[in-house]
Amino acid sequence: MATRKKKDAAATPAKVSKAQALRDKDVAGLQTEIKDLQKAHFGLRMQKATQQLSNTSTLRVTRRDIARAKTILAQKQQQETQAAK
């Protein structure tokens, strides 16, 4: 019986570069990025509702990008408040 290869626990390079690109932005840049992603996600949801969206996986990708950006924004804000103390 063939054994399956286990996935490496490390993040894939594509995810690392997305996160790194977001970490390089400042707080204002992250906030505009989140707003842009939310607008794009809304448009995708409308396309899905009207049966115009052919690739529904883009909804998941956009939702995860929003979560990634919000997480990094929260981390940056927490670092700023700790630095201010």
PDB file of N, CA and C in Angstrom:
ATOM      1  N   MET A   1       0.835  -1.165   0.000  1.00  0.00           N
ATOM      2  CA  MET A   1       0.000   0.000   0.000  1.00  0.00           C
ATOM      3  C   MET A   1       0.892   1.245   0.000  1.00  0.00           C
ATOM      4  N   ALA A   2       0.584   2.165  -0.870  1.00  0.00           N
ATOM      5  CA  ALA A   2       1.379   3.388  -0.979  1.00  0.00           C
ATOM      6  C   ALA A   2       1.002   4.344   0.143  1.00  0.00           C
ATOM      7  N   THR A   3       1.990   5.016   0.655  1.00  0.00           N
ATOM      8  CA  THR A   3       1.724   5.996   1.707  1.00  0.00           C
ATOM      9  C   THR A   3       1.694   7.386   1.100  1.00  0.00           C
ATOM     10  N   ARG A   4       0.868   8.200   1.668  1.00  0.00           N
ATOM     11  CA  ARG A   4       0.758   9.571   1.180  1.00  0.00           C
ATOM     12  C   ARG A   4       1.819  10.427   1.839  1.00  0.00           C
ATOM     13  N   LYS A   5       2.262  11.396   1.089  1.00  0.00           N
ATOM     14  CA  LYS A   5       3.216  12.347   1.653  1.00  0.00           C
ATOM     15  C   LYS A   5       2.454  13.328   2.531  1.00  0.00           C
ATOM     16  N   LYS A   6       3.013  13.615   3.670  1.00  0.00           N
ATOM     17  CA  LYS A   6       2.389  14.583   4.563  1.00  0.00           C
ATOM     18  C   LYS A   6       2.748  15.986   4.099  1.00  0.00           C
ATOM     19  N   LYS A   7       1.782  16.866   4.230  1.00  0.00           N
ATOM     20  CA  LYS A   7       2.042  18.258   3.872  1.00  0.00           C
ATOM     21  C   LYS A   7       2.977  18.873   4.892  1.00  0.00           C
ATOM     22  N   ASP A   8       3.837  19.711   4.415  1.00  0.00           N
ATOM     23  CA  ASP A   8       4.770  20.404   5.291  1.00  0.00           C
ATOM     24  C   ASP A   8       3.998  21.401   6.145  1.00  0.00           C
ATOM     25  N   ALA A   9       4.358  21.508   7.405  1.00  0.00           N
ATOM     26  CA  ALA A   9       3.659  22.402   8.325  1.00  0.00           C
ATOM     27  C   ALA A   9       3.920  23.871   7.999  1.00  0.00           C
ATOM     28  N   ALA A  10       5.001  24.143   7.309  1.00  0.00           N
ATOM     29  CA  ALA A  10       5.320  25.534   6.961  1.00  0.00           C
ATOM     30  C   ALA A  10       4.327  26.056   5.929  1.00  0.00           C
ATOM     31  N   ALA A  11       4.124  27.357   5.946  1.00  0.00           N
ATOM     32  CA  ALA A  11       3.202  27.978   5.003  1.00  0.00           C
ATOM     33  C   ALA A  11       3.774  27.914   3.593  1.00  0.00           C
ATOM     34  N   THR A  12       2.881  27.891   2.623  1.00  0.00           N
ATOM     35  CA  THR A  12       3.327  27.876   1.242  1.00  0.00           C
ATOM     36  C   THR A  12       3.894  29.241   0.882  1.00  0.00           C
ATOM     37  N   PRO A  13       4.784  29.313  -0.102  1.00  0.00           N
ATOM     38  CA  PRO A  13       5.393  30.602  -0.456  1.00  0.00           C
ATOM     39  C   PRO A  13       4.377  31.658  -0.868  1.00  0.00           C
ATOM     40  N   ALA A  14       3.283  31.259  -1.521  1.00  0.00           N
ATOM     41  CA  ALA A  14       2.295  32.243  -1.948  1.00  0.00           C
ATOM     42  C   ALA A  14       1.649  32.914  -0.738  1.00  0.00           C
ATOM     43  N   LYS A  15       1.341  32.140   0.286  1.00  0.00           N
ATOM     44  CA  LYS A  15       0.729  32.716   1.477  1.00  0.00           C
ATOM     45  C   LYS A  15       1.717  33.596   2.229  1.00  0.00           C
ATOM     46  N   VAL A  16       2.945  33.193   2.255  1.00  0.00           N
ATOM     47  CA  VAL A  16       3.957  33.991   2.944  1.00  0.00           C
ATOM     48  C   VAL A  16       4.113  35.333   2.248  1.00  0.00           C
ATOM     49  N   SER A  17       4.144  35.333   0.944  1.00  0.00           N
ATOM     50  CA  SER A  17       4.335  36.595   0.234  1.00  0.00           C
ATOM     51  C   SER A  17       3.119  37.506   0.388  1.00  0.00           C
ATOM     52  N   LYS A  18       1.900  36.943   0.449  1.00  0.00           N
ATOM     53  CA  LYS A  18       0.719  37.770   0.672  1.00  0.00           C
ATOM     54  C   LYS A  18       0.783  38.421   2.042  1.00  0.00           C
ATOM     55  N   ALA A  19       1.117  37.622   3.036  1.00  0.00           N
ATOM     56  CA  ALA A  19       1.191  38.152   4.395  1.00  0.00           C
ATOM     57  C   ALA A  19       2.323  39.164   4.513  1.00  0.00           C
ATOM     58  N   GLN A  20       3.436  38.878   3.886  1.00  0.00           N
ATOM     59  CA  GLN A  20       4.572  39.797   3.962  1.00  0.00           C
ATOM     60  C   GLN A  20       4.243  41.117   3.274  1.00  0.00           C
ATOM     61  N   ALA A  21       3.535  41.046   2.160  1.00  0.00           N
ATOM     62  CA  ALA A  21       3.143  42.272   1.470  1.00  0.00           C
ATOM     63  C   ALA A  21       2.222  43.111   2.351  1.00  0.00           C
ATOM     64  N   LEU A  22       1.344  42.453   3.095  1.00  0.00           N
ATOM     65  CA  LEU A  22       0.456  43.188   3.990  1.00  0.00           C
ATOM     66  C   LEU A  22       1.218  43.749   5.185  1.00  0.00           C
ATOM     67  N   ARG A  23       2.192  43.010   5.682  1.00  0.00           N
ATOM     68  CA  ARG A  23       2.970  43.484   6.833  1.00  0.00           C
ATOM     69  C   ARG A  23       3.820  44.701   6.470  1.00  0.00           C
ATOM     70  N   ASP A  24       4.168  44.822   5.202  1.00  0.00           N
ATOM     71  CA  ASP A  24       4.977  45.954   4.765  1.00  0.00           C
ATOM     72  C   ASP A  24       4.176  47.253   4.710  1.00  0.00           C
ATOM     73  N   LYS A  25       2.844  47.159   4.705  1.00  0.00           N
ATOM     74  CA  LYS A  25       2.001  48.351   4.641  1.00  0.00           C
ATOM     75  C   LYS A  25       1.828  48.949   6.029  1.00  0.00           C
ATOM     76  N   ASP A  26       1.496  50.250   6.038  1.00  0.00           N
ATOM     77  CA  ASP A  26       1.209  50.895   7.314  1.00  0.00           C
ATOM     78  C   ASP A  26      -0.266  50.690   7.657  1.00  0.00           C
ATOM     79  N   VAL A  27      -0.695  51.226   8.797  1.00  0.00           N
ATOM     80  CA  VAL A  27      -2.059  51.007   9.275  1.00  0.00           C
ATOM     81  C   VAL A  27      -3.083  51.574   8.293  1.00  0.00           C
ATOM     82  N   ALA A  28      -2.834  52.773   7.783  1.00  0.00           N
ATOM     83  CA  ALA A  28      -3.769  53.385   6.836  1.00  0.00           C
ATOM     84  C   ALA A  28      -3.846  52.567   5.546  1.00  0.00           C
ATOM     85  N   GLY A  29      -2.714  52.061   5.094  1.00  0.00           N
ATOM     86  CA  GLY A  29      -2.697  51.228   3.896  1.00  0.00           C
ATOM     87  C   GLY A  29      -3.456  49.933   4.091  1.00  0.00           C
ATOM     88  N   LEU A  30      -3.345  49.360   5.277  1.00  0.00           N
ATOM     89  CA  LEU A  30      -4.088  48.136   5.577  1.00  0.00           C
ATOM     90  C   LEU A  30      -5.590  48.401   5.613  1.00  0.00           C
ATOM     91  N   GLN A  31      -5.974  49.540   6.174  1.00  0.00           N
ATOM     92  CA  GLN A  31      -7.396  49.866   6.240  1.00  0.00           C
ATOM     93  C   GLN A  31      -7.988  50.053   4.847  1.00  0.00           C
ATOM     94  N   THR A  32      -7.252  50.703   3.950  1.00  0.00           N
ATOM     95  CA  THR A  32      -7.756  50.858   2.584  1.00  0.00           C
ATOM     96  C   THR A  32      -7.778  49.512   1.866  1.00  0.00           C
ATOM     97  N   GLU A  33      -6.801  48.666   2.142  1.00  0.00           N
ATOM     98  CA  GLU A  33      -6.776  47.328   1.542  1.00  0.00           C
ATOM     99  C   GLU A  33      -7.991  46.518   1.989  1.00  0.00           C
ATOM    100  N   ILE A  34      -8.335  46.610   3.261  1.00  0.00           N
ATOM    101  CA  ILE A  34      -9.495  45.886   3.784  1.00  0.00           C
ATOM    102  C   ILE A  34     -10.770  46.393   3.131  1.00  0.00           C
ATOM    103  N   LYS A  35     -10.898  47.712   2.995  1.00  0.00           N
ATOM    104  CA  LYS A  35     -12.092  48.273   2.356  1.00  0.00           C
ATOM    105  C   LYS A  35     -12.209  47.815   0.906  1.00  0.00           C
ATOM    106  N   ASP A  36     -11.085  47.802   0.193  1.00  0.00           N
ATOM    107  CA  ASP A  36     -11.097  47.352  -1.197  1.00  0.00           C
ATOM    108  C   ASP A  36     -11.486  45.879  -1.296  1.00  0.00           C
ATOM    109  N   LEU A  37     -10.946  45.070  -0.400  1.00  0.00           N
ATOM    110  CA  LEU A  37     -11.276  43.644  -0.408  1.00  0.00           C
ATOM    111  C   LEU A  37     -12.743  43.411  -0.062  1.00  0.00           C
ATOM    112  N   GLN A  38     -13.275  44.208   0.863  1.00  0.00           N
ATOM    113  CA  GLN A  38     -14.680  44.060   1.226  1.00  0.00           C
ATOM    114  C   GLN A  38     -15.593  44.453   0.069  1.00  0.00           C
ATOM    115  N   LYS A  39     -15.214  45.489  -0.678  1.00  0.00           N
ATOM    116  CA  LYS A  39     -15.994  45.878  -1.855  1.00  0.00           C
ATOM    117  C   LYS A  39     -15.958  44.779  -2.910  1.00  0.00           C
ATOM    118  N   ALA A  40     -14.781  44.198  -3.106  1.00  0.00           N
ATOM    119  CA  ALA A  40     -14.653  43.112  -4.076  1.00  0.00           C
ATOM    120  C   ALA A  40     -15.472  41.906  -3.636  1.00  0.00           C
ATOM    121  N   HIS A  41     -15.451  41.606  -2.347  1.00  0.00           N
ATOM    122  CA  HIS A  41     -16.207  40.467  -1.822  1.00  0.00           C
ATOM    123  C   HIS A  41     -17.710  40.699  -1.993  1.00  0.00           C
ATOM    124  N   PHE A  42     -18.152  41.936  -1.759  1.00  0.00           N
ATOM    125  CA  PHE A  42     -19.564  42.259  -1.950  1.00  0.00           C
ATOM    126  C   PHE A  42     -19.972  42.053  -3.404  1.00  0.00           C
ATOM    127  N   GLY A  43     -19.127  42.521  -4.325  1.00  0.00           N
ATOM    128  CA  GLY A  43     -19.415  42.327  -5.744  1.00  0.00           C
ATOM    129  C   GLY A  43     -19.497  40.858  -6.117  1.00  0.00           C
ATOM    130  N   LEU A  44     -18.610  40.056  -5.559  1.00  0.00           N
ATOM    131  CA  LEU A  44     -18.641  38.617  -5.828  1.00  0.00           C
ATOM    132  C   LEU A  44     -19.908  37.981  -5.262  1.00  0.00           C
ATOM    133  N   ARG A  45     -20.328  38.437  -4.081  1.00  0.00           N
ATOM    134  CA  ARG A  45     -21.562  37.891  -3.500  1.00  0.00           C
ATOM    135  C   ARG A  45     -22.770  38.244  -4.357  1.00  0.00           C
ATOM    136  N   MET A  46     -22.778  39.438  -4.917  1.00  0.00           N
ATOM    137  CA  MET A  46     -23.884  39.832  -5.790  1.00  0.00           C
ATOM    138  C   MET A  46     -23.881  39.000  -7.075  1.00  0.00           C
ATOM    139  N   GLN A  47     -22.688  38.751  -7.604  1.00  0.00           N
ATOM    140  CA  GLN A  47     -22.587  37.914  -8.798  1.00  0.00           C
ATOM    141  C   GLN A  47     -23.077  36.502  -8.508  1.00  0.00           C
ATOM    142  N   LYS A  48     -22.767  36.000  -7.334  1.00  0.00           N
ATOM    143  CA  LYS A  48     -23.220  34.655  -6.970  1.00  0.00           C
ATOM    144  C   LYS A  48     -24.737  34.629  -6.846  1.00  0.00           C
ATOM    145  N   ALA A  49     -25.309  35.674  -6.251  1.00  0.00           N
ATOM    146  CA  ALA A  49     -26.756  35.725  -6.058  1.00  0.00           C
ATOM    147  C   ALA A  49     -27.498  35.800  -7.383  1.00  0.00           C
ATOM    148  N   THR A  50     -26.887  36.421  -8.381  1.00  0.00           N
ATOM    149  CA  THR A  50     -27.534  36.554  -9.688  1.00  0.00           C
ATOM    150  C   THR A  50     -27.074  35.490 -10.678  1.00  0.00           C
ATOM    151  N   GLN A  51     -26.408  34.461 -10.158  1.00  0.00           N
ATOM    152  CA  GLN A  51     -25.966  33.323 -10.974  1.00  0.00           C
ATOM    153  C   GLN A  51     -24.953  33.718 -12.046  1.00  0.00           C
ATOM    154  N   GLN A  52     -24.168  34.765 -11.817  1.00  0.00           N
ATOM    155  CA  GLN A  52     -23.182  35.211 -12.789  1.00  0.00           C
ATOM    156  C   GLN A  52     -21.763  34.803 -12.422  1.00  0.00           C
ATOM    157  N   LEU A  53     -21.569  34.291 -11.220  1.00  0.00           N
ATOM    158  CA  LEU A  53     -20.236  33.924 -10.755  1.00  0.00           C
ATOM    159  C   LEU A  53     -19.941  32.489 -11.166  1.00  0.00           C
ATOM    160  N   SER A  54     -18.920  32.321 -12.003  1.00  0.00           N
ATOM    161  CA  SER A  54     -18.597  30.974 -12.480  1.00  0.00           C
ATOM    162  C   SER A  54     -17.628  30.263 -11.547  1.00  0.00           C
ATOM    163  N   ASN A  55     -16.723  30.992 -10.913  1.00  0.00           N
ATOM    164  CA  ASN A  55     -15.734  30.383 -10.030  1.00  0.00           C
ATOM    165  C   ASN A  55     -16.024  30.818  -8.593  1.00  0.00           C
ATOM    166  N   THR A  56     -16.745  29.997  -7.866  1.00  0.00           N
ATOM    167  CA  THR A  56     -17.164  30.373  -6.519  1.00  0.00           C
ATOM    168  C   THR A  56     -16.030  30.313  -5.504  1.00  0.00           C
ATOM    169  N   SER A  57     -14.918  29.719  -5.862  1.00  0.00           N
ATOM    170  CA  SER A  57     -13.803  29.657  -4.912  1.00  0.00           C
ATOM    171  C   SER A  57     -13.184  31.033  -4.682  1.00  0.00           C
ATOM    172  N   THR A  58     -13.436  31.972  -5.565  1.00  0.00           N
ATOM    173  CA  THR A  58     -12.911  33.322  -5.363  1.00  0.00           C
ATOM    174  C   THR A  58     -13.529  33.976  -4.130  1.00  0.00           C
ATOM    175  N   LEU A  59     -14.754  33.569  -3.775  1.00  0.00           N
ATOM    176  CA  LEU A  59     -15.374  34.074  -2.551  1.00  0.00           C
ATOM    177  C   LEU A  59     -14.551  33.677  -1.333  1.00  0.00           C
ATOM    178  N   ARG A  60     -14.154  32.427  -1.284  1.00  0.00           N
ATOM    179  CA  ARG A  60     -13.373  31.929  -0.151  1.00  0.00           C
ATOM    180  C   ARG A  60     -12.011  32.613  -0.092  1.00  0.00           C
ATOM    181  N   VAL A  61     -11.376  32.765  -1.249  1.00  0.00           N
ATOM    182  CA  VAL A  61     -10.054  33.392  -1.296  1.00  0.00           C
ATOM    183  C   VAL A  61     -10.139  34.839  -0.821  1.00  0.00           C
ATOM    184  N   THR A  62     -11.144  35.555  -1.277  1.00  0.00           N
ATOM    185  CA  THR A  62     -11.304  36.952  -0.882  1.00  0.00           C
ATOM    186  C   THR A  62     -11.610  37.067   0.610  1.00  0.00           C
ATOM    187  N   ARG A  63     -12.461  36.176   1.100  1.00  0.00           N
ATOM    188  CA  ARG A  63     -12.803  36.191   2.525  1.00  0.00           C
ATOM    189  C   ARG A  63     -11.563  35.939   3.384  1.00  0.00           C
ATOM    190  N   ARG A  64     -10.722  35.026   2.958  1.00  0.00           N
ATOM    191  CA  ARG A  64      -9.498  34.732   3.707  1.00  0.00           C
ATOM    192  C   ARG A  64      -8.490  35.874   3.607  1.00  0.00           C
ATOM    193  N   ASP A  65      -8.454  36.553   2.459  1.00  0.00           N
ATOM    194  CA  ASP A  65      -7.576  37.719   2.326  1.00  0.00           C
ATOM    195  C   ASP A  65      -8.009  38.834   3.281  1.00  0.00           C
ATOM    196  N   ILE A  66      -9.329  39.008   3.423  1.00  0.00           N
ATOM    197  CA  ILE A  66      -9.845  40.008   4.359  1.00  0.00           C
ATOM    198  C   ILE A  66      -9.434  39.646   5.784  1.00  0.00           C
ATOM    199  N   ALA A  67      -9.587  38.387   6.133  1.00  0.00           N
ATOM    200  CA  ALA A  67      -9.222  37.940   7.479  1.00  0.00           C
ATOM    201  C   ALA A  67      -7.731  38.115   7.729  1.00  0.00           C
ATOM    202  N   ARG A  68      -6.924  37.819   6.723  1.00  0.00           N
ATOM    203  CA  ARG A  68      -5.473  37.966   6.854  1.00  0.00           C
ATOM    204  C   ARG A  68      -5.110  39.435   7.092  1.00  0.00           C
ATOM    205  N   ALA A  69      -5.736  40.326   6.328  1.00  0.00           N
ATOM    206  CA  ALA A  69      -5.446  41.755   6.468  1.00  0.00           C
ATOM    207  C   ALA A  69      -5.917  42.282   7.824  1.00  0.00           C
ATOM    208  N   LYS A  70      -7.085  41.830   8.279  1.00  0.00           N
ATOM    209  CA  LYS A  70      -7.589  42.275   9.577  1.00  0.00           C
ATOM    210  C   LYS A  70      -6.706  41.785  10.713  1.00  0.00           C
ATOM    211  N   THR A  71      -6.194  40.573  10.596  1.00  0.00           N
ATOM    212  CA  THR A  71      -5.311  40.030  11.624  1.00  0.00           C
ATOM    213  C   THR A  71      -4.036  40.846  11.723  1.00  0.00           C
ATOM    214  N   ILE A  72      -3.438  41.155  10.584  1.00  0.00           N
ATOM    215  CA  ILE A  72      -2.197  41.927  10.582  1.00  0.00           C
ATOM    216  C   ILE A  72      -2.449  43.346  11.082  1.00  0.00           C
ATOM    217  N   LEU A  73      -3.607  43.919  10.727  1.00  0.00           N
ATOM    218  CA  LEU A  73      -3.964  45.248  11.223  1.00  0.00           C
ATOM    219  C   LEU A  73      -4.083  45.237  12.748  1.00  0.00           C
ATOM    220  N   ALA A  74      -4.735  44.233  13.294  1.00  0.00           N
ATOM    221  CA  ALA A  74      -4.883  44.135  14.751  1.00  0.00           C
ATOM    222  C   ALA A  74      -3.526  43.973  15.427  1.00  0.00           C
ATOM    223  N   GLN A  75      -2.639  43.204  14.818  1.00  0.00           N
ATOM    224  CA  GLN A  75      -1.301  43.028  15.377  1.00  0.00           C
ATOM    225  C   GLN A  75      -0.534  44.346  15.389  1.00  0.00           C
ATOM    226  N   LYS A  76      -0.633  45.090  14.297  1.00  0.00           N
ATOM    227  CA  LYS A  76       0.068  46.377  14.218  1.00  0.00           C
ATOM    228  C   LYS A  76      -0.492  47.364  15.243  1.00  0.00           C
ATOM    229  N   GLN A  77      -1.812  47.394  15.387  1.00  0.00           N
ATOM    230  CA  GLN A  77      -2.415  48.303  16.351  1.00  0.00           C
ATOM    231  C   GLN A  77      -2.030  47.921  17.777  1.00  0.00           C
ATOM    232  N   GLN A  78      -1.948  46.630  18.047  1.00  0.00           N
ATOM    233  CA  GLN A  78      -1.540  46.174  19.371  1.00  0.00           C
ATOM    234  C   GLN A  78      -0.088  46.558  19.649  1.00  0.00           C
ATOM    235  N   GLN A  79       0.762  46.443  18.641  1.00  0.00           N
ATOM    236  CA  GLN A  79       2.161  46.833  18.807  1.00  0.00           C
ATOM    237  C   GLN A  79       2.284  48.326  19.071  1.00  0.00           C
ATOM    238  N   GLU A  80       1.458  49.126  18.392  1.00  0.00           N
ATOM    239  CA  GLU A  80       1.499  50.572  18.588  1.00  0.00           C
ATOM    240  C   GLU A  80       1.056  50.951  19.999  1.00  0.00           C
ATOM    241  N   THR A  81       0.027  50.283  20.505  1.00  0.00           N
ATOM    242  CA  THR A  81      -0.441  50.612  21.853  1.00  0.00           C
ATOM    243  C   THR A  81       0.577  50.173  22.904  1.00  0.00           C
ATOM    244  N   GLN A  82       1.251  49.063  22.673  1.00  0.00           N
ATOM    245  CA  GLN A  82       2.271  48.616  23.613  1.00  0.00           C
ATOM    246  C   GLN A  82       3.497  49.525  23.564  1.00  0.00           C
ATOM    247  N   ALA A  83       3.804  50.033  22.385  1.00  0.00           N
ATOM    248  CA  ALA A  83       4.950  50.933  22.247  1.00  0.00           C
ATOM    249  C   ALA A  83       4.658  52.290  22.891  1.00  0.00           C
ATOM    250  N   ALA A  84       3.388  52.675  22.931  1.00  0.00           N
ATOM    251  CA  ALA A  84       3.012  53.959  23.505  1.00  0.00           C
ATOM    252  C   ALA A  84       3.077  53.944  25.028  1.00  0.00           C
ATOM    253  N   LYS A  85       3.025  52.768  25.619  1.00  0.00           N
ATOM    254  CA  LYS A  85       3.036  52.671  27.091  1.00  0.00           C
ATOM    255  C   LYS A  85       4.391  52.912  27.665  1.00  0.00           C
TER     256      LYS A  85
END
